[in-house]
C-alpha cells in the first residue's frame, strides 16, 4: 500500500472505531449497533480497489477485535471486514469512479447484510450464540437500516478524501496505479467536446492570420509599386 493511503486510512479507522465504541454502542438502540467502521472500510475500498480494501478491512477489523470492550475471539471481525473490503473493491469500475450513487448504495446494503451473516456464522462456529437470543432477522433489518442512515454522511466524504490522496484522480486497476485510458472513460466526453472547440478556434485563428497576412502583403506590394513608379517617373524626366 502507498504511504499516503496509510496516512489517510489509519486516522479514519481509529476515529471511526472510537466513535463507534464510545458513542454509537452506548445509544442502546434496538437490534444491531450502527457500524461506522464498516462504512469507512467500504468507502475506502470503493476507491482503492479490492486489494487495498481487503488489507484495510483486515487491519481495521483486527483493531476492533483488540479494542476494549471486545468480548469475541480475536480475528473474527478482521475476517469479516477483510471479505467485505475485498468484495466492495471488486465493484470499482475501470474508469476509477462510479457515475451514480446506485452502486455504492447497493454495496452498503450488501456489506451490512453480509457482515451480519458472516459475523453470526463465524460466531456459531466458535460457540458464540448471542445472535440466536437477539434474532438474526432483527439483526439484519436493524443493521441495514442503521448503516443506510449513516452512509450518506460517511461514504461520500471518505471517498472524496481517498481520491485526493491518489496521484491520479481516476485509476484503472485495483492496485491504484494510474491508467492512461482513464482520461478517455467516465468523463471523456467533456475532454472530447473541449478538443473540438479548441480545434475550431485554432482553425479560425489560422484563417484570420492568413487574411491579415494577405492584407499586409497587398499593402506592402502596393507601396512597393508606388515607389517603383515614382523612381521610373523620375528617370523618364
C-alpha atoms as a PDB file:
ATOM      1  CA  UNK A   1       0.000   0.000   0.000  1.00  0.00           C
ATOM      2  CA  UNK A   2       1.099   3.543  -0.613  1.00  0.00           C
ATOM      3  CA  UNK A   3       2.230   5.746   2.234  1.00  0.00           C
ATOM      4  CA  UNK A   4      -0.424   8.375   1.505  1.00  0.00           C
ATOM      5  CA  UNK A   5      -3.134   5.722   1.699  1.00  0.00           C
ATOM      6  CA  UNK A   6      -1.868   4.565   5.089  1.00  0.00           C
ATOM      7  CA  UNK A   7      -1.634   8.134   6.377  1.00  0.00           C
ATOM      8  CA  UNK A   8      -5.287   8.686   5.463  1.00  0.00           C
ATOM      9  CA  UNK A   9      -6.730   5.277   6.322  1.00  0.00           C
ATOM     10  CA  UNK A  10      -5.187   4.932   9.789  1.00  0.00           C
ATOM     11  CA  UNK A  11      -6.716   8.118  11.270  1.00  0.00           C
ATOM     12  CA  UNK A  12     -10.090   7.413   9.638  1.00  0.00           C
ATOM     13  CA  UNK A  13     -10.200   3.887  11.038  1.00  0.00           C
ATOM     14  CA  UNK A  14      -9.145   4.991  14.532  1.00  0.00           C
ATOM     15  CA  UNK A  15     -11.650   7.850  14.640  1.00  0.00           C
ATOM     16  CA  UNK A  16     -14.462   5.623  13.344  1.00  0.00           C
ATOM     17  CA  UNK A  17     -13.665   2.937  15.929  1.00  0.00           C
ATOM     18  CA  UNK A  18     -13.551   5.450  18.802  1.00  0.00           C
ATOM     19  CA  UNK A  19     -16.891   6.976  17.799  1.00  0.00           C
ATOM     20  CA  UNK A  20     -18.453   3.550  17.405  1.00  0.00           C
ATOM     21  CA  UNK A  21     -17.263   2.287  20.788  1.00  0.00           C
ATOM     22  CA  UNK A  22     -17.790   5.431  22.857  1.00  0.00           C
ATOM     23  CA  UNK A  23     -20.946   6.864  21.271  1.00  0.00           C
ATOM     24  CA  UNK A  24     -22.833   4.532  18.933  1.00  0.00           C
ATOM     25  CA  UNK A  25     -22.511   1.441  21.120  1.00  0.00           C
ATOM     26  CA  UNK A  26     -23.928   3.343  24.113  1.00  0.00           C
ATOM     27  CA  UNK A  27     -27.071   4.560  22.394  1.00  0.00           C
ATOM     28  CA  UNK A  28     -28.873   1.344  23.380  1.00  0.00           C
ATOM     29  CA  UNK A  29     -30.593   1.089  20.012  1.00  0.00           C
ATOM     30  CA  UNK A  30     -32.757  -1.962  19.332  1.00  0.00           C
ATOM     31  CA  UNK A  31     -31.074  -4.712  17.384  1.00  0.00           C
ATOM     32  CA  UNK A  32     -27.600  -4.164  15.988  1.00  0.00           C
ATOM     33  CA  UNK A  33     -25.152  -1.322  16.603  1.00  0.00           C
ATOM     34  CA  UNK A  34     -24.509   1.168  13.753  1.00  0.00           C
ATOM     35  CA  UNK A  35     -21.264   0.008  12.149  1.00  0.00           C
ATOM     36  CA  UNK A  36     -19.336   3.176  11.336  1.00  0.00           C
ATOM     37  CA  UNK A  37     -16.110   1.216  10.879  1.00  0.00           C
ATOM     38  CA  UNK A  38     -17.751  -0.900   8.178  1.00  0.00           C
ATOM     39  CA  UNK A  39     -18.818   2.208   6.247  1.00  0.00           C
ATOM     40  CA  UNK A  40     -15.288   3.636   6.373  1.00  0.00           C
ATOM     41  CA  UNK A  41     -13.836   0.388   5.012  1.00  0.00           C
ATOM     42  CA  UNK A  42     -16.457   0.300   2.250  1.00  0.00           C
ATOM     43  CA  UNK A  43     -15.779   3.913   1.265  1.00  0.00           C
ATOM     44  CA  UNK A  44     -12.023   3.322   1.060  1.00  0.00           C
ATOM     45  CA  UNK A  45     -12.450   0.039  -0.831  1.00  0.00           C
ATOM     46  CA  UNK A  46     -14.631   1.726  -3.472  1.00  0.00           C
ATOM     47  CA  UNK A  47     -11.678   3.999  -4.301  1.00  0.00           C
ATOM     48  CA  UNK A  48      -8.634   1.792  -3.598  1.00  0.00           C
ATOM     49  CA  UNK A  49      -9.945  -1.420  -5.161  1.00  0.00           C
ATOM     50  CA  UNK A  50     -10.177  -4.999  -3.942  1.00  0.00           C
ATOM     51  CA  UNK A  51      -6.555  -5.416  -2.822  1.00  0.00           C
ATOM     52  CA  UNK A  52      -6.487  -2.214  -0.798  1.00  0.00           C
ATOM     53  CA  UNK A  53      -9.979  -2.907   0.514  1.00  0.00           C
ATOM     54  CA  UNK A  54      -9.028  -6.363   1.754  1.00  0.00           C
ATOM     55  CA  UNK A  55      -5.905  -5.081   3.538  1.00  0.00           C
ATOM     56  CA  UNK A  56      -7.723  -2.157   5.101  1.00  0.00           C
ATOM     57  CA  UNK A  57     -10.600  -4.370   6.164  1.00  0.00           C
ATOM     58  CA  UNK A  58      -8.284  -6.880   7.819  1.00  0.00           C
ATOM     59  CA  UNK A  59      -6.320  -4.328   9.849  1.00  0.00           C
ATOM     60  CA  UNK A  60      -9.440  -2.342  10.750  1.00  0.00           C
ATOM     61  CA  UNK A  61     -11.198  -5.497  11.915  1.00  0.00           C
ATOM     62  CA  UNK A  62      -8.140  -6.633  13.850  1.00  0.00           C
ATOM     63  CA  UNK A  63      -8.017  -3.281  15.618  1.00  0.00           C
ATOM     64  CA  UNK A  64     -11.699  -3.650  16.502  1.00  0.00           C
ATOM     65  CA  UNK A  65     -11.018  -7.172  17.828  1.00  0.00           C
ATOM     66  CA  UNK A  66      -8.284  -5.848  20.129  1.00  0.00           C
ATOM     67  CA  UNK A  67     -10.076  -2.687  21.262  1.00  0.00           C
ATOM     68  CA  UNK A  68     -11.948  -2.886  24.581  1.00  0.00           C
ATOM     69  CA  UNK A  69     -14.630  -3.832  25.455  1.00  0.00           C
ATOM     70  CA  UNK A  70     -14.259  -6.589  22.868  1.00  0.00           C
ATOM     71  CA  UNK A  71     -15.876  -9.845  24.005  1.00  0.00           C
ATOM     72  CA  UNK A  72     -15.300 -12.071  20.963  1.00  0.00           C
ATOM     73  CA  UNK A  73     -12.436 -14.097  19.554  1.00  0.00           C
ATOM     74  CA  UNK A  74      -9.538 -12.154  18.064  1.00  0.00           C
ATOM     75  CA  UNK A  75      -9.620 -12.269  14.284  1.00  0.00           C
ATOM     76  CA  UNK A  76     -13.366 -12.748  13.991  1.00  0.00           C
ATOM     77  CA  UNK A  77     -14.214  -9.240  12.850  1.00  0.00           C
ATOM     78  CA  UNK A  78     -10.922  -8.990  10.941  1.00  0.00           C
ATOM     79  CA  UNK A  79     -12.028 -11.867   8.740  1.00  0.00           C
ATOM     80  CA  UNK A  80     -15.436 -10.298   8.188  1.00  0.00           C
ATOM     81  CA  UNK A  81     -14.114  -6.860   7.193  1.00  0.00           C
ATOM     82  CA  UNK A  82     -11.388  -8.398   5.035  1.00  0.00           C
ATOM     83  CA  UNK A  83     -14.009 -10.193   2.941  1.00  0.00           C
ATOM     84  CA  UNK A  84     -16.268  -7.134   2.849  1.00  0.00           C
ATOM     85  CA  UNK A  85     -13.410  -4.860   1.769  1.00  0.00           C
ATOM     86  CA  UNK A  86     -12.386  -7.263  -0.973  1.00  0.00           C
ATOM     87  CA  UNK A  87     -15.946  -7.628  -2.283  1.00  0.00           C
ATOM     88  CA  UNK A  88     -16.596  -3.877  -2.178  1.00  0.00           C
ATOM     89  CA  UNK A  89     -13.356  -3.196  -4.057  1.00  0.00           C
ATOM     90  CA  UNK A  90     -14.415  -5.513  -6.860  1.00  0.00           C
ATOM     91  CA  UNK A  91     -17.205  -3.092  -7.760  1.00  0.00           C
ATOM     92  CA  UNK A  92     -14.714  -0.346  -8.617  1.00  0.00           C
ATOM     93  CA  UNK A  93     -15.149   0.469 -12.338  1.00  0.00           C
ATOM     94  CA  UNK A  94     -12.282   0.668 -14.805  1.00  0.00           C
ATOM     95  CA  UNK A  95     -12.667   4.450 -15.002  1.00  0.00           C
ATOM     96  CA  UNK A  96     -11.983   4.701 -11.277  1.00  0.00           C
ATOM     97  CA  UNK A  97     -15.233   6.441 -10.351  1.00  0.00           C
ATOM     98  CA  UNK A  98     -18.867   5.425 -10.053  1.00  0.00           C
ATOM     99  CA  UNK A  99     -21.079   7.520 -12.311  1.00  0.00           C
ATOM    100  CA  UNK A 100     -24.014   7.377  -9.894  1.00  0.00           C
ATOM    101  CA  UNK A 101     -24.739   6.630  -6.251  1.00  0.00           C
ATOM    102  CA  UNK A 102     -26.666   3.450  -7.073  1.00  0.00           C
ATOM    103  CA  UNK A 103     -23.713   1.057  -6.948  1.00  0.00           C
ATOM    104  CA  UNK A 104     -22.259   2.430  -3.662  1.00  0.00           C
ATOM    105  CA  UNK A 105     -25.726   2.250  -2.115  1.00  0.00           C
ATOM    106  CA  UNK A 106     -26.107  -1.379  -3.165  1.00  0.00           C
ATOM    107  CA  UNK A 107     -22.623  -2.095  -1.832  1.00  0.00           C
ATOM    108  CA  UNK A 108     -23.559  -0.605   1.555  1.00  0.00           C
ATOM    109  CA  UNK A 109     -26.690  -2.758   1.745  1.00  0.00           C
ATOM    110  CA  UNK A 110     -24.766  -5.879   0.757  1.00  0.00           C
ATOM    111  CA  UNK A 111     -21.990  -5.056   3.235  1.00  0.00           C
ATOM    112  CA  UNK A 112     -24.461  -4.608   6.094  1.00  0.00           C
ATOM    113  CA  UNK A 113     -26.221  -7.890   5.351  1.00  0.00           C
ATOM    114  CA  UNK A 114     -23.055  -9.813   4.545  1.00  0.00           C
ATOM    115  CA  UNK A 115     -21.125  -8.639   7.598  1.00  0.00           C
ATOM    116  CA  UNK A 116     -24.001  -9.524   9.916  1.00  0.00           C
ATOM    117  CA  UNK A 117     -24.404 -13.003   8.436  1.00  0.00           C
ATOM    118  CA  UNK A 118     -20.660 -13.719   8.421  1.00  0.00           C
ATOM    119  CA  UNK A 119     -20.195 -12.420  11.948  1.00  0.00           C
ATOM    120  CA  UNK A 120     -23.051 -14.596  13.198  1.00  0.00           C
ATOM    121  CA  UNK A 121     -21.797 -17.579  11.178  1.00  0.00           C
ATOM    122  CA  UNK A 122     -18.237 -17.330  12.492  1.00  0.00           C
ATOM    123  CA  UNK A 123     -19.650 -16.877  15.991  1.00  0.00           C
ATOM    124  CA  UNK A 124     -21.665 -20.066  15.628  1.00  0.00           C
ATOM    125  CA  UNK A 125     -18.503 -21.935  14.644  1.00  0.00           C
ATOM    126  CA  UNK A 126     -16.645 -20.763  17.761  1.00  0.00           C
ATOM    127  CA  UNK A 127     -19.632 -21.314  20.083  1.00  0.00           C
ATOM    128  CA  UNK A 128     -20.963 -17.752  20.354  1.00  0.00           C
ATOM    129  CA  UNK A 129     -24.776 -17.950  20.425  1.00  0.00           C
ATOM    130  CA  UNK A 130     -25.524 -14.286  21.171  1.00  0.00           C
ATOM    131  CA  UNK A 131     -27.118 -13.802  17.759  1.00  0.00           C
ATOM    132  CA  UNK A 132     -29.677 -16.518  18.493  1.00  0.00           C
ATOM    133  CA  UNK A 133     -31.048 -14.646  21.510  1.00  0.00           C
ATOM    134  CA  UNK A 134     -31.454 -11.381  19.606  1.00  0.00           C
ATOM    135  CA  UNK A 135     -32.708 -12.968  16.376  1.00  0.00           C
ATOM    136  CA  UNK A 136     -30.841 -12.990  13.082  1.00  0.00           C
ATOM    137  CA  UNK A 137     -33.728 -11.348  11.226  1.00  0.00           C
ATOM    138  CA  UNK A 138     -33.859  -8.446  13.669  1.00  0.00           C
ATOM    139  CA  UNK A 139     -30.092  -8.021  13.421  1.00  0.00           C
ATOM    140  CA  UNK A 140     -30.205  -7.943   9.624  1.00  0.00           C
ATOM    141  CA  UNK A 141     -33.015  -5.386   9.454  1.00  0.00           C
ATOM    142  CA  UNK A 142     -31.582  -3.105  12.127  1.00  0.00           C
ATOM    143  CA  UNK A 143     -28.017  -3.287  10.795  1.00  0.00           C
ATOM    144  CA  UNK A 144     -29.150  -2.491   7.256  1.00  0.00           C
ATOM    145  CA  UNK A 145     -31.340   0.394   8.440  1.00  0.00           C
ATOM    146  CA  UNK A 146     -28.667   1.979  10.630  1.00  0.00           C
ATOM    147  CA  UNK A 147     -25.946   1.667   8.008  1.00  0.00           C
ATOM    148  CA  UNK A 148     -28.183   3.163   5.313  1.00  0.00           C
ATOM    149  CA  UNK A 149     -28.944   6.135   7.552  1.00  0.00           C
ATOM    150  CA  UNK A 150     -25.247   6.753   8.201  1.00  0.00           C
ATOM    151  CA  UNK A 151     -23.996   6.003   4.688  1.00  0.00           C
ATOM    152  CA  UNK A 152     -24.889   9.368   3.012  1.00  0.00           C
ATOM    153  CA  UNK A 153     -22.884  11.222   5.681  1.00  0.00           C
ATOM    154  CA  UNK A 154     -19.869   8.886   5.779  1.00  0.00           C
ATOM    155  CA  UNK A 155     -19.229   7.098   2.476  1.00  0.00           C
ATOM    156  CA  UNK A 156     -19.128  10.136   0.113  1.00  0.00           C
ATOM    157  CA  UNK A 157     -16.817  12.016   2.483  1.00  0.00           C
ATOM    158  CA  UNK A 158     -14.449   9.052   2.827  1.00  0.00           C
ATOM    159  CA  UNK A 159     -14.386   8.524  -0.945  1.00  0.00           C
ATOM    160  CA  UNK A 160     -13.644  12.205  -1.584  1.00  0.00           C
ATOM    161  CA  UNK A 161     -10.750  12.171   0.889  1.00  0.00           C
ATOM    162  CA  UNK A 162      -9.412   8.937  -0.599  1.00  0.00           C
ATOM    163  CA  UNK A 163      -9.402  10.347  -4.135  1.00  0.00           C
ATOM    164  CA  UNK A 164      -7.359  13.334  -3.006  1.00  0.00           C
ATOM    165  CA  UNK A 165      -4.583  11.051  -1.770  1.00  0.00           C
ATOM    166  CA  UNK A 166      -4.291   9.363  -5.155  1.00  0.00           C
ATOM    167  CA  UNK A 167      -1.693  10.544  -7.646  1.00  0.00           C
ATOM    168  CA  UNK A 168      -4.315  10.342 -10.420  1.00  0.00           C
ATOM    169  CA  UNK A 169      -7.970  11.240  -9.794  1.00  0.00           C
ATOM    170  CA  UNK A 170      -9.036   8.268 -11.899  1.00  0.00           C
ATOM    171  CA  UNK A 171      -7.276   4.931 -11.567  1.00  0.00           C
ATOM    172  CA  UNK A 172      -7.685   1.914 -13.726  1.00  0.00           C
ATOM    173  CA  UNK A 173      -6.837  -1.115 -11.596  1.00  0.00           C
ATOM    174  CA  UNK A 174      -7.316  -2.263  -8.062  1.00  0.00           C
ATOM    175  CA  UNK A 175      -3.731  -1.568  -7.062  1.00  0.00           C
ATOM    176  CA  UNK A 176      -4.192   2.155  -7.584  1.00  0.00           C
ATOM    177  CA  UNK A 177      -1.722   2.535 -10.439  1.00  0.00           C
ATOM    178  CA  UNK A 178      -2.574   5.325 -12.876  1.00  0.00           C
ATOM    179  CA  UNK A 179      -4.100   4.268 -16.154  1.00  0.00           C
ATOM    180  CA  UNK A 180      -3.797   6.181 -19.384  1.00  0.00           C
ATOM    181  CA  UNK A 181      -7.239   5.098 -20.558  1.00  0.00           C
ATOM    182  CA  UNK A 182      -8.903   6.664 -17.538  1.00  0.00           C
ATOM    183  CA  UNK A 183      -8.932  10.063 -19.154  1.00  0.00           C
ATOM    184  CA  UNK A 184     -10.980   8.694 -22.073  1.00  0.00           C
ATOM    185  CA  UNK A 185     -13.650   6.999 -19.944  1.00  0.00           C
ATOM    186  CA  UNK A 186     -16.226   8.216 -17.487  1.00  0.00           C
ATOM    187  CA  UNK A 187     -15.882  11.901 -18.188  1.00  0.00           C
ATOM    188  CA  UNK A 188     -14.076  11.633 -21.505  1.00  0.00           C
ATOM    189  CA  UNK A 189     -16.949  13.289 -23.387  1.00  0.00           C
ATOM    190  CA  UNK A 190     -16.042  16.543 -21.675  1.00  0.00           C
ATOM    191  CA  UNK A 191     -12.496  16.441 -22.969  1.00  0.00           C
ATOM    192  CA  UNK A 192     -13.737  15.491 -26.436  1.00  0.00           C
ATOM    193  CA  UNK A 193     -16.039  18.478 -26.656  1.00  0.00           C
ATOM    194  CA  UNK A 194     -13.269  20.756 -25.440  1.00  0.00           C
ATOM    195  CA  UNK A 195     -10.911  19.394 -28.084  1.00  0.00           C
ATOM    196  CA  UNK A 196     -13.394  20.099 -30.875  1.00  0.00           C
ATOM    197  CA  UNK A 197     -13.882  23.630 -29.686  1.00  0.00           C
ATOM    198  CA  UNK A 198     -10.127  24.136 -29.410  1.00  0.00           C
ATOM    199  CA  UNK A 199      -9.551  22.803 -32.944  1.00  0.00           C
ATOM    200  CA  UNK A 200     -12.252  25.044 -34.362  1.00  0.00           C
ATOM    201  CA  UNK A 201     -10.753  28.035 -32.582  1.00  0.00           C
ATOM    202  CA  UNK A 202      -7.318  27.148 -33.939  1.00  0.00           C
ATOM    203  CA  UNK A 203      -8.686  26.922 -37.490  1.00  0.00           C
ATOM    204  CA  UNK A 204     -10.369  30.307 -37.128  1.00  0.00           C
ATOM    205  CA  UNK A 205      -7.159  31.857 -35.809  1.00  0.00           C
ATOM    206  CA  UNK A 206      -5.182  30.382 -38.718  1.00  0.00           C
ATOM    207  CA  UNK A 207      -7.677  31.710 -41.250  1.00  0.00           C
ATOM    208  CA  UNK A 208      -7.732  35.172 -39.658  1.00  0.00           C
ATOM    209  CA  UNK A 209      -3.928  35.181 -39.566  1.00  0.00           C
ATOM    210  CA  UNK A 210      -3.802  34.267 -43.247  1.00  0.00           C
ATOM    211  CA  UNK A 211      -6.228  37.042 -44.083  1.00  0.00           C
ATOM    212  CA  UNK A 212      -4.222  39.583 -42.100  1.00  0.00           C
ATOM    213  CA  UNK A 213      -1.008  38.362 -43.756  1.00  0.00           C
ATOM    214  CA  UNK A 214      -2.514  38.650 -47.231  1.00  0.00           C
ATOM    215  CA  UNK A 215      -3.796  42.136 -46.468  1.00  0.00           C
ATOM    216  CA  UNK A 216      -0.393  43.170 -45.188  1.00  0.00           C
ATOM    217  CA  UNK A 217       1.264  41.636 -48.283  1.00  0.00           C
ATOM    218  CA  UNK A 218      -1.095  43.546 -50.526  1.00  0.00           C
ATOM    219  CA  UNK A 219      -0.378  46.812 -48.777  1.00  0.00           C
ATOM    220  CA  UNK A 220       3.357  46.187 -48.945  1.00  0.00           C
ATOM    221  CA  UNK A 221       3.120  45.292 -52.640  1.00  0.00           C
ATOM    222  CA  UNK A 222       1.095  48.394 -53.407  1.00  0.00           C
ATOM    223  CA  UNK A 223       3.564  50.662 -51.596  1.00  0.00           C
ATOM    224  CA  UNK A 224       6.477  48.996 -53.397  1.00  0.00           C
ATOM    225  CA  UNK A 225       4.777  49.539 -56.757  1.00  0.00           C
ATOM    226  CA  UNK A 226       4.210  53.184 -55.958  1.00  0.00           C
ATOM    227  CA  UNK A 227       7.867  53.588 -55.083  1.00  0.00           C
ATOM    228  CA  UNK A 228       8.955  51.883 -58.291  1.00  0.00           C
ATOM    229  CA  UNK A 229       6.595  54.039 -60.326  1.00  0.00           C
ATOM    230  CA  UNK A 230       7.975  57.173 -58.748  1.00  0.00           C
ATOM    231  CA  UNK A 231      11.554  56.114 -59.438  1.00  0.00           C
ATOM    232  CA  UNK A 232      10.781  55.255 -63.047  1.00  0.00           C
ATOM    233  CA  UNK A 233       8.933  58.534 -63.492  1.00  0.00           C
ATOM    234  CA  UNK A 234      11.963  60.450 -62.252  1.00  0.00           C
ATOM    235  CA  UNK A 235      14.263  58.600 -64.630  1.00  0.00           C
ATOM    236  CA  UNK A 236      11.969  59.332 -67.569  1.00  0.00           C
ATOM    237  CA  UNK A 237      12.063  63.015 -66.743  1.00  0.00           C
END
